[in-house]
Amino acid sequence: MDAIKKICLRTLKLLFWGVLLQGGYSHAPNDLVYGVDMKLIRWCGILQRIALVYFIVSVIETFTTKRRPTVLEPGYSSIFTAYCWQWLGGFVAFVIYMTTTYSLYVPDWSFVVSTDSKITQYTVKCGMRGHLGPACNAVGYVDREVWGINHLYMYPVWQRLKACTHSSPSSGEIREDAPSWCRAPFEPEGLLSSILAILSGTIGIHYGHVLIHFKGHSERLKQWVSIALGLLIVAIILHFTDAIPINKQLYSFSYVCFTAGAAGIVFSVFYILIDVWGWRTPFLFLEWIGMNAMLIYVLGAQGILPAFVNGWYYKSTNNTLVF
């Protein structure tokens, strides 16, 4: 039970910092003011997603410790069998996401945009199932129903599309003839997409299980590279056949496969450089970043690090390290 207490405490810490940093308390770097409009507070965010994934994966790991063997049987698939409960959790998350995304009916919906001069109501026509576009996807519908439209992210990335702004692919003023959904909020770290992120966590902890149970470099690399390449192949097939396009905003299954596969390859490369070849010194800064991940995130989320870097200029403030 001590492990469960630690899991719950860490989860609550992540949720607290997530809401504080991305909920609207800090208005930096654009405005040096603080305070939360509770009518518009954003409940979801990156740390909240990490908290959910961490909690589910850690609880499964804790409660199944005594049910799995300490020594694996011979064979490539033995590690998957030993951690079948973890993979079952990931599979359940996958089923929930896919079933909801492709079968949930999304009705027409409305939202209000307020400016200093006027208040305008927009309506988005939907009435469909299985749509993966910005307007009528089930991921956004679930968040609007659960959290309320006022508590979603106000500047979704697809406002940069050509249909929304002449400044595409950069952000810019919304076109007069833009579809109504261009002005709508959307939560990229919402509930349904965070559920599928549990599968990402499951794959990530699998990489860790390999590190524990396999002692030889070649055995570890064989496990990591094989599953990583398999995931990348699945992602590429799903994307280029238009079966399930890679979509970070919806956290699509192909996106999960691609990012998890790419992470496995990158992890394997660093393992070879640092653990096999012994090149640790050149990568000590990455080790420090990993040991201080929350500090780095806070510096980035609050705009402190970008402001510091951009604060160094030569002769003119328009001639900085960034611009």
Protein backbone atom coordinates (compact mmCIF):
# COMPACT_ATOMS: atom_id res chain seq x y z
CA MET A 1 0.00 0.00 0.00
CA ASP A 2 2.98 2.28 0.49
CA ALA A 3 3.62 2.13 -3.26
CA ILE A 4 0.00 3.10 -3.99
CA LYS A 5 0.30 6.11 -1.67
CA LYS A 6 3.41 7.26 -3.53
CA ILE A 7 1.67 6.76 -6.87
CA CYS A 8 -1.36 8.79 -5.75
CA LEU A 9 0.83 11.55 -4.32
CA ARG A 10 2.88 11.88 -7.49
CA THR A 11 -0.29 11.84 -9.61
CA LEU A 12 -1.79 14.66 -7.54
CA LYS A 13 1.43 16.67 -7.85
CA LEU A 14 1.36 16.32 -11.63
CA LEU A 15 -2.29 17.34 -11.76
CA PHE A 16 -1.65 20.36 -9.53
CA TRP A 17 1.30 21.63 -11.57
CA GLY A 18 -0.51 20.88 -14.81
CA VAL A 19 -3.55 22.99 -13.91
CA LEU A 20 -1.35 25.74 -12.44
CA LEU A 21 0.94 25.99 -15.47
CA GLN A 22 -1.57 25.45 -18.30
CA GLY A 23 -4.88 26.24 -16.66
CA GLY A 24 -4.60 29.98 -17.24
CA TYR A 25 -3.03 31.20 -13.99
CA SER A 26 0.03 32.62 -15.72
CA HIS A 27 -0.55 34.85 -18.73
CA ALA A 28 3.16 35.03 -19.57
CA PRO A 29 5.01 35.70 -21.76
CA ASN A 30 2.48 37.98 -23.50
CA ASP A 31 1.17 39.65 -20.35
CA LEU A 32 3.00 39.88 -17.03
CA VAL A 33 -0.14 39.30 -15.01
CA TYR A 34 -1.51 36.38 -13.04
CA GLY A 35 -4.87 35.07 -12.03
CA VAL A 36 -7.45 32.52 -13.13
CA ASP A 37 -10.84 33.21 -14.66
CA MET A 38 -12.65 30.14 -13.29
CA LYS A 39 -15.14 30.40 -16.14
CA LEU A 40 -12.33 29.74 -18.62
CA ILE A 41 -9.85 27.63 -16.63
CA ARG A 42 -8.31 24.84 -18.69
CA TRP A 43 -8.54 21.51 -16.88
CA CYS A 44 -6.52 19.43 -19.31
CA GLY A 45 -2.88 19.68 -20.32
CA ILE A 46 0.36 17.81 -20.85
CA LEU A 47 1.08 17.11 -17.19
CA GLN A 48 -2.52 16.05 -16.59
CA ARG A 49 -2.17 13.52 -19.41
CA ILE A 50 1.09 12.27 -17.94
CA ALA A 51 -0.61 12.01 -14.54
CA LEU A 52 -3.42 9.83 -15.92
CA VAL A 53 -1.05 7.56 -17.83
CA TYR A 54 1.36 7.31 -14.91
CA PHE A 55 -1.43 6.46 -12.47
CA ILE A 56 -2.99 3.70 -14.58
CA VAL A 57 0.29 2.10 -15.66
CA SER A 58 1.80 2.30 -12.16
CA VAL A 59 -1.25 0.83 -10.44
CA ILE A 60 -1.31 -2.12 -12.84
CA GLU A 61 2.43 -2.61 -12.34
CA THR A 62 2.06 -2.53 -8.56
CA PHE A 63 -0.89 -4.91 -8.25
CA THR A 64 0.55 -7.50 -10.65
CA THR A 65 4.03 -7.73 -9.12
CA LYS A 66 3.34 -11.05 -7.36
CA ARG A 67 1.52 -12.52 -10.36
CA ARG A 68 4.42 -12.50 -12.78
CA PRO A 69 7.55 -14.69 -12.84
CA THR A 70 10.88 -13.28 -11.74
CA VAL A 71 12.69 -15.30 -14.41
CA LEU A 72 11.44 -15.33 -18.00
CA GLU A 73 10.98 -18.51 -19.97
CA PRO A 74 13.02 -18.94 -23.17
CA GLY A 75 11.54 -17.33 -26.26
CA TYR A 76 10.97 -13.90 -27.74
CA SER A 77 7.36 -13.60 -26.58
CA SER A 78 7.96 -14.62 -22.96
CA ILE A 79 8.29 -11.01 -21.81
CA PHE A 80 4.89 -10.18 -23.32
CA THR A 81 3.32 -13.15 -21.54
CA ALA A 82 4.92 -12.22 -18.22
CA TYR A 83 3.44 -8.73 -18.43
CA CYS A 84 0.10 -9.70 -19.93
CA TRP A 85 -1.86 -7.52 -17.47
CA GLN A 86 0.00 -4.42 -18.59
CA TRP A 87 -0.72 -5.20 -22.22
CA LEU A 88 -4.35 -5.94 -21.35
CA GLY A 89 -4.61 -2.45 -19.85
CA GLY A 90 -3.17 -0.94 -23.02
CA PHE A 91 -5.54 -3.00 -25.15
CA VAL A 92 -8.57 -1.86 -23.14
CA ALA A 93 -7.49 1.76 -23.64
CA PHE A 94 -7.13 1.07 -27.37
CA VAL A 95 -10.63 -0.47 -27.60
CA ILE A 96 -12.23 2.41 -25.69
CA TYR A 97 -10.57 5.00 -27.92
CA MET A 98 -11.26 3.28 -31.24
CA THR A 99 -14.85 2.38 -30.39
CA THR A 100 -15.68 5.88 -29.22
CA THR A 101 -13.84 7.67 -32.03
CA TYR A 102 -15.49 5.75 -34.84
CA SER A 103 -18.95 4.97 -33.44
CA LEU A 104 -19.96 7.97 -31.30
CA TYR A 105 -22.50 10.22 -33.01
CA VAL A 106 -21.40 13.87 -33.09
CA PRO A 107 -24.34 16.31 -33.38
CA ASP A 108 -24.26 19.94 -34.49
CA TRP A 109 -22.72 22.22 -31.88
CA SER A 110 -22.36 25.92 -31.17
CA PHE A 111 -19.88 28.19 -29.44
CA VAL A 112 -19.50 31.88 -28.69
CA VAL A 113 -16.55 34.16 -29.49
CA SER A 114 -16.29 37.31 -27.38
CA THR A 115 -14.31 40.40 -28.32
CA ASP A 116 -14.18 43.90 -26.88
CA SER A 117 -16.77 45.10 -29.37
CA LYS A 118 -19.18 42.20 -29.84
CA ILE A 119 -20.23 38.66 -29.03
CA THR A 120 -20.72 36.27 -31.96
CA GLN A 121 -22.25 32.80 -31.90
CA TYR A 122 -21.09 30.20 -34.42
CA THR A 123 -22.64 26.84 -35.30
CA VAL A 124 -20.71 23.84 -36.62
CA LYS A 125 -22.75 21.41 -38.72
CA CYS A 126 -21.94 17.77 -38.00
CA GLY A 127 -24.49 14.99 -37.55
CA MET A 128 -22.06 12.17 -38.34
CA ARG A 129 -19.89 9.38 -36.96
CA GLY A 130 -16.24 8.49 -37.47
CA HIS A 131 -15.14 11.89 -38.79
CA LEU A 132 -11.47 12.72 -38.13
CA GLY A 133 -11.43 16.33 -39.29
CA PRO A 134 -11.23 19.39 -37.03
CA ALA A 135 -14.96 20.07 -36.94
CA CYS A 136 -16.78 16.86 -36.10
CA ASN A 137 -14.43 14.37 -34.45
CA ALA A 138 -15.56 12.43 -31.39
CA VAL A 139 -12.44 13.42 -29.46
CA GLY A 140 -13.53 17.04 -29.36
CA TYR A 141 -17.17 16.14 -28.73
CA VAL A 142 -16.27 14.13 -25.61
CA ASP A 143 -14.28 17.04 -24.19
CA ARG A 144 -17.03 19.55 -24.90
CA GLU A 145 -19.52 17.34 -23.07
CA VAL A 146 -17.26 16.42 -20.13
CA TRP A 147 -15.35 19.64 -19.45
CA GLY A 148 -17.50 22.26 -21.16
CA ILE A 149 -16.44 24.24 -24.21
CA ASN A 150 -15.20 27.20 -22.12
CA HIS A 151 -12.55 25.02 -20.48
CA LEU A 152 -10.80 23.83 -23.64
CA TYR A 153 -7.63 25.10 -25.31
CA MET A 154 -8.46 28.31 -27.16
CA TYR A 155 -5.74 28.22 -29.84
CA PRO A 156 -5.72 24.78 -31.53
CA VAL A 157 -3.03 24.12 -34.09
CA TRP A 158 -5.42 23.80 -37.01
CA GLN A 159 -6.09 27.52 -36.84
CA ARG A 160 -2.89 27.61 -38.93
CA LEU A 161 -4.51 25.74 -41.82
CA LYS A 162 -5.00 27.51 -45.17
CA ALA A 163 -8.74 27.28 -44.67
CA CYS A 164 -8.38 29.38 -41.52
CA THR A 165 -5.64 31.95 -42.18
CA HIS A 166 -3.70 33.49 -45.04
CA SER A 167 -0.57 33.21 -42.87
CA SER A 168 -0.56 29.39 -43.07
CA PRO A 169 1.46 27.45 -41.98
CA SER A 170 2.16 30.14 -39.37
CA SER A 171 -0.52 31.47 -37.06
CA GLY A 172 -2.30 34.64 -38.06
CA GLU A 173 -5.59 36.47 -38.21
CA ILE A 174 -8.59 34.25 -38.97
CA ARG A 175 -9.93 34.74 -42.49
CA GLU A 176 -13.33 36.36 -42.93
CA ASP A 177 -14.50 33.43 -45.06
CA ALA A 178 -13.01 30.79 -42.75
CA PRO A 179 -15.20 27.86 -41.64
CA SER A 180 -16.78 28.34 -38.22
CA TRP A 181 -14.64 25.61 -36.61
CA CYS A 182 -11.52 27.72 -37.24
CA ARG A 183 -12.57 29.94 -34.35
CA ALA A 184 -13.59 27.10 -32.04
CA PRO A 185 -11.59 25.85 -29.06
CA PHE A 186 -10.25 22.30 -29.01
CA GLU A 187 -8.41 20.33 -26.34
CA PRO A 188 -5.32 18.54 -27.73
CA GLU A 189 -4.72 16.85 -24.36
CA GLY A 190 -8.33 15.87 -23.79
CA LEU A 191 -9.94 12.91 -22.08
CA LEU A 192 -10.37 10.45 -24.95
CA SER A 193 -6.95 11.10 -26.47
CA SER A 194 -5.36 10.76 -23.02
CA ILE A 195 -6.97 7.35 -22.63
CA LEU A 196 -5.13 6.12 -25.72
CA ALA A 197 -1.94 7.63 -24.28
CA ILE A 198 -2.13 4.78 -21.76
CA LEU A 199 -1.05 2.53 -24.63
CA SER A 200 1.97 4.80 -25.16
CA GLY A 201 2.80 4.36 -21.49
CA THR A 202 2.41 0.60 -21.80
CA ILE A 203 4.88 0.46 -24.68
CA GLY A 204 7.26 2.73 -22.79
CA ILE A 205 7.25 0.55 -19.69
CA HIS A 206 7.83 -2.47 -21.93
CA TYR A 207 11.14 -0.92 -22.97
CA GLY A 208 11.96 -0.73 -19.27
CA HIS A 209 10.97 -4.35 -18.67
CA VAL A 210 13.42 -5.39 -21.38
CA LEU A 211 16.18 -3.51 -19.55
CA ILE A 212 15.38 -5.42 -16.34
CA HIS A 213 15.06 -8.96 -17.68
CA PHE A 214 17.67 -9.05 -20.46
CA LYS A 215 21.29 -8.54 -19.42
CA GLY A 216 23.14 -8.77 -22.73
CA HIS A 217 23.44 -5.79 -25.05
CA SER A 218 22.44 -7.77 -28.13
CA GLU A 219 19.37 -9.25 -26.42
CA ARG A 220 18.16 -5.85 -25.30
CA LEU A 221 18.74 -4.23 -28.66
CA LYS A 222 17.01 -7.09 -30.45
CA GLN A 223 13.89 -6.59 -28.33
CA TRP A 224 13.85 -2.81 -28.61
CA VAL A 225 14.61 -2.52 -32.30
CA SER A 226 12.23 -5.29 -33.37
CA ILE A 227 9.19 -3.85 -31.61
CA ALA A 228 10.16 -0.29 -32.64
CA LEU A 229 10.46 -1.22 -36.31
CA GLY A 230 7.19 -3.16 -36.11
CA LEU A 231 5.41 -0.12 -34.68
CA LEU A 232 6.89 2.18 -37.33
CA ILE A 233 5.80 -0.16 -40.12
CA VAL A 234 2.25 -0.31 -38.73
CA ALA A 235 2.14 3.49 -38.44
CA ILE A 236 3.37 4.05 -41.99
CA ILE A 237 0.89 1.56 -43.44
CA LEU A 238 -2.04 3.04 -41.52
CA HIS A 239 -1.09 6.59 -42.49
CA PHE A 240 -0.35 6.19 -46.18
CA THR A 241 -3.37 3.96 -46.81
CA ASP A 242 -5.54 6.63 -45.12
CA ALA A 243 -6.88 3.96 -42.79
CA ILE A 244 -5.82 5.92 -39.68
CA PRO A 245 -3.79 9.05 -40.52
CA ILE A 246 -1.11 10.20 -38.10
CA ASN A 247 -2.76 12.97 -36.10
CA LYS A 248 -1.22 14.39 -32.94
CA GLN A 249 -4.29 16.47 -32.08
CA LEU A 250 -6.51 13.37 -32.00
CA TYR A 251 -3.68 11.18 -30.66
CA SER A 252 -4.56 8.61 -33.30
CA PHE A 253 -3.42 4.98 -33.07
CA SER A 254 -1.00 5.52 -35.95
CA TYR A 255 0.47 8.47 -34.04
CA VAL A 256 0.95 6.24 -30.99
CA CYS A 257 2.71 3.61 -33.12
CA PHE A 258 4.92 6.14 -34.89
CA THR A 259 6.04 8.02 -31.77
CA ALA A 260 6.57 4.85 -29.73
CA GLY A 261 8.51 3.25 -32.57
CA ALA A 262 10.64 6.35 -33.12
CA ALA A 263 11.30 6.56 -29.38
CA GLY A 264 12.45 2.94 -29.39
CA ILE A 265 14.91 3.59 -32.21
CA VAL A 266 16.28 6.75 -30.58
CA PHE A 267 16.55 4.96 -27.23
CA SER A 268 18.46 2.12 -28.88
CA VAL A 269 20.87 4.54 -30.56
CA PHE A 270 21.64 6.30 -27.28
CA TYR A 271 22.03 2.93 -25.56
CA ILE A 272 24.66 1.94 -28.11
CA LEU A 273 26.52 5.25 -27.82
CA ILE A 274 26.45 5.48 -24.03
CA ASP A 275 26.20 1.95 -22.60
CA VAL A 276 27.87 -0.10 -25.31
CA TRP A 277 30.53 2.32 -26.59
CA GLY A 278 30.92 4.21 -23.30
CA TRP A 279 30.42 7.72 -24.70
CA ARG A 280 28.75 9.06 -21.57
CA THR A 281 30.52 12.41 -21.13
CA PRO A 282 29.20 14.10 -24.32
CA PHE A 283 25.64 13.29 -23.25
CA LEU A 284 25.79 14.31 -19.59
CA PHE A 285 23.60 17.33 -20.37
CA LEU A 286 20.83 14.96 -21.49
CA GLU A 287 21.20 13.05 -18.24
CA TRP A 288 20.83 16.31 -16.33
CA ILE A 289 17.72 17.22 -18.33
CA GLY A 290 16.20 13.83 -17.55
CA MET A 291 16.91 14.24 -13.83
CA ASN A 292 15.36 17.72 -13.85
CA ALA A 293 12.51 17.15 -16.29
CA MET A 294 9.96 19.12 -14.26
CA LEU A 295 12.26 22.14 -14.01
CA ILE A 296 12.83 22.11 -17.77
CA TYR A 297 9.10 21.81 -18.40
CA VAL A 298 8.29 24.73 -16.09
CA LEU A 299 10.91 26.91 -17.79
CA GLY A 300 9.36 26.08 -21.16
CA ALA A 301 5.68 26.18 -20.20
CA GLN A 302 5.99 29.55 -18.48
CA GLY A 303 8.00 31.06 -21.32
CA ILE A 304 10.97 31.65 -19.00
CA LEU A 305 13.53 29.75 -21.05
CA PRO A 306 12.43 31.21 -24.44
CA ALA A 307 12.38 34.71 -22.93
CA PHE A 308 15.89 34.23 -21.53
CA VAL A 309 17.29 32.95 -24.82
CA ASN A 310 15.53 35.65 -26.82
CA GLY A 311 16.75 38.30 -24.36
CA TRP A 312 20.29 38.21 -25.74
CA TYR A 313 20.68 40.52 -28.72
CA TYR A 314 23.33 42.38 -30.70
CA LYS A 315 22.89 46.19 -31.07
CA SER A 316 19.17 45.90 -31.78
CA THR A 317 16.43 43.98 -29.97
CA ASN A 318 15.36 42.75 -33.40
CA ASN A 319 18.71 40.95 -33.75
CA THR A 320 18.48 38.23 -31.07
CA LEU A 321 19.73 34.67 -30.79
CA VAL A 322 16.37 33.51 -32.10
CA PHE A 323 15.47 36.14 -34.70
